[in-house]
Protein backbone atom coordinates (compact mmCIF):
# COMPACT_ATOMS: atom_id res chain seq x y z
CA VAL A 1 0.00 0.00 0.00
CA ASN A 2 1.42 3.38 -0.97
CA GLU A 3 1.24 5.80 1.89
CA TRP A 4 2.85 9.20 2.39
CA TYR A 5 3.44 8.56 6.10
CA ALA A 6 4.66 5.06 6.97
CA GLY A 7 5.79 5.81 10.53
CA GLY A 8 8.15 7.89 12.58
CA ILE A 9 11.86 8.32 11.95
CA GLU A 10 12.58 5.65 14.55
CA THR A 11 10.60 3.04 12.61
CA PRO A 12 12.99 0.45 11.12
CA PHE A 13 12.61 -0.62 7.50
CA GLY A 14 14.09 -3.26 5.24
CA GLY A 15 15.14 -6.79 5.90
CA VAL A 16 18.10 -9.07 5.44
CA GLY A 17 19.42 -8.78 1.91
CA LEU A 18 22.65 -9.74 0.20
CA SER A 19 24.63 -7.53 2.57
CA GLY A 20 23.42 -9.57 5.54
CA PHE A 21 23.16 -6.39 7.62
CA GLY A 22 19.46 -6.46 8.38
CA ARG A 23 17.28 -3.50 9.25
CA GLU A 24 18.21 0.17 8.86
CA LYS A 25 16.99 3.19 10.76
CA GLY A 26 15.85 2.59 14.30
CA GLN A 27 17.86 2.62 17.51
CA GLU A 28 19.41 -0.82 17.02
CA ALA A 29 20.97 0.17 13.69
CA LEU A 30 22.43 3.33 15.21
CA TYR A 31 24.48 1.30 17.70
CA SER A 32 26.48 -0.30 14.88
CA TYR A 33 27.76 3.15 13.84
CA VAL A 34 28.66 4.67 17.22
CA ARG A 35 30.94 3.97 20.19
CA THR A 36 30.30 4.98 23.78
CA LYS A 37 32.91 7.41 25.05
CA ASN A 38 33.31 9.14 28.41
CA VAL A 39 34.58 12.71 28.46
CA ALA A 40 35.63 14.61 31.61
CA ILE A 41 35.76 18.41 31.39
CA ARG A 42 37.16 20.53 34.19
CA VAL A 43 35.02 23.62 34.70
CA ALA A 44 36.87 26.76 35.81
CA GLY A 45 36.07 27.77 39.39
CA GLU A 46 35.10 24.31 40.59
C-alpha cells in the first residue's frame, strides 16, 4: 500500500538482503555506527 506517512523516523525498514546487515533506521541500527565514550571536562572555578 502506498502511503505518504509510513511511521516515525525511529521506525525500522528493510530486511536481510545480500549484505546480511538487516534493518536500517531505528535505535538498534544506530548502535552499529557509534561507540560509547566518556569525556571529563574541568570547569573553571570548581
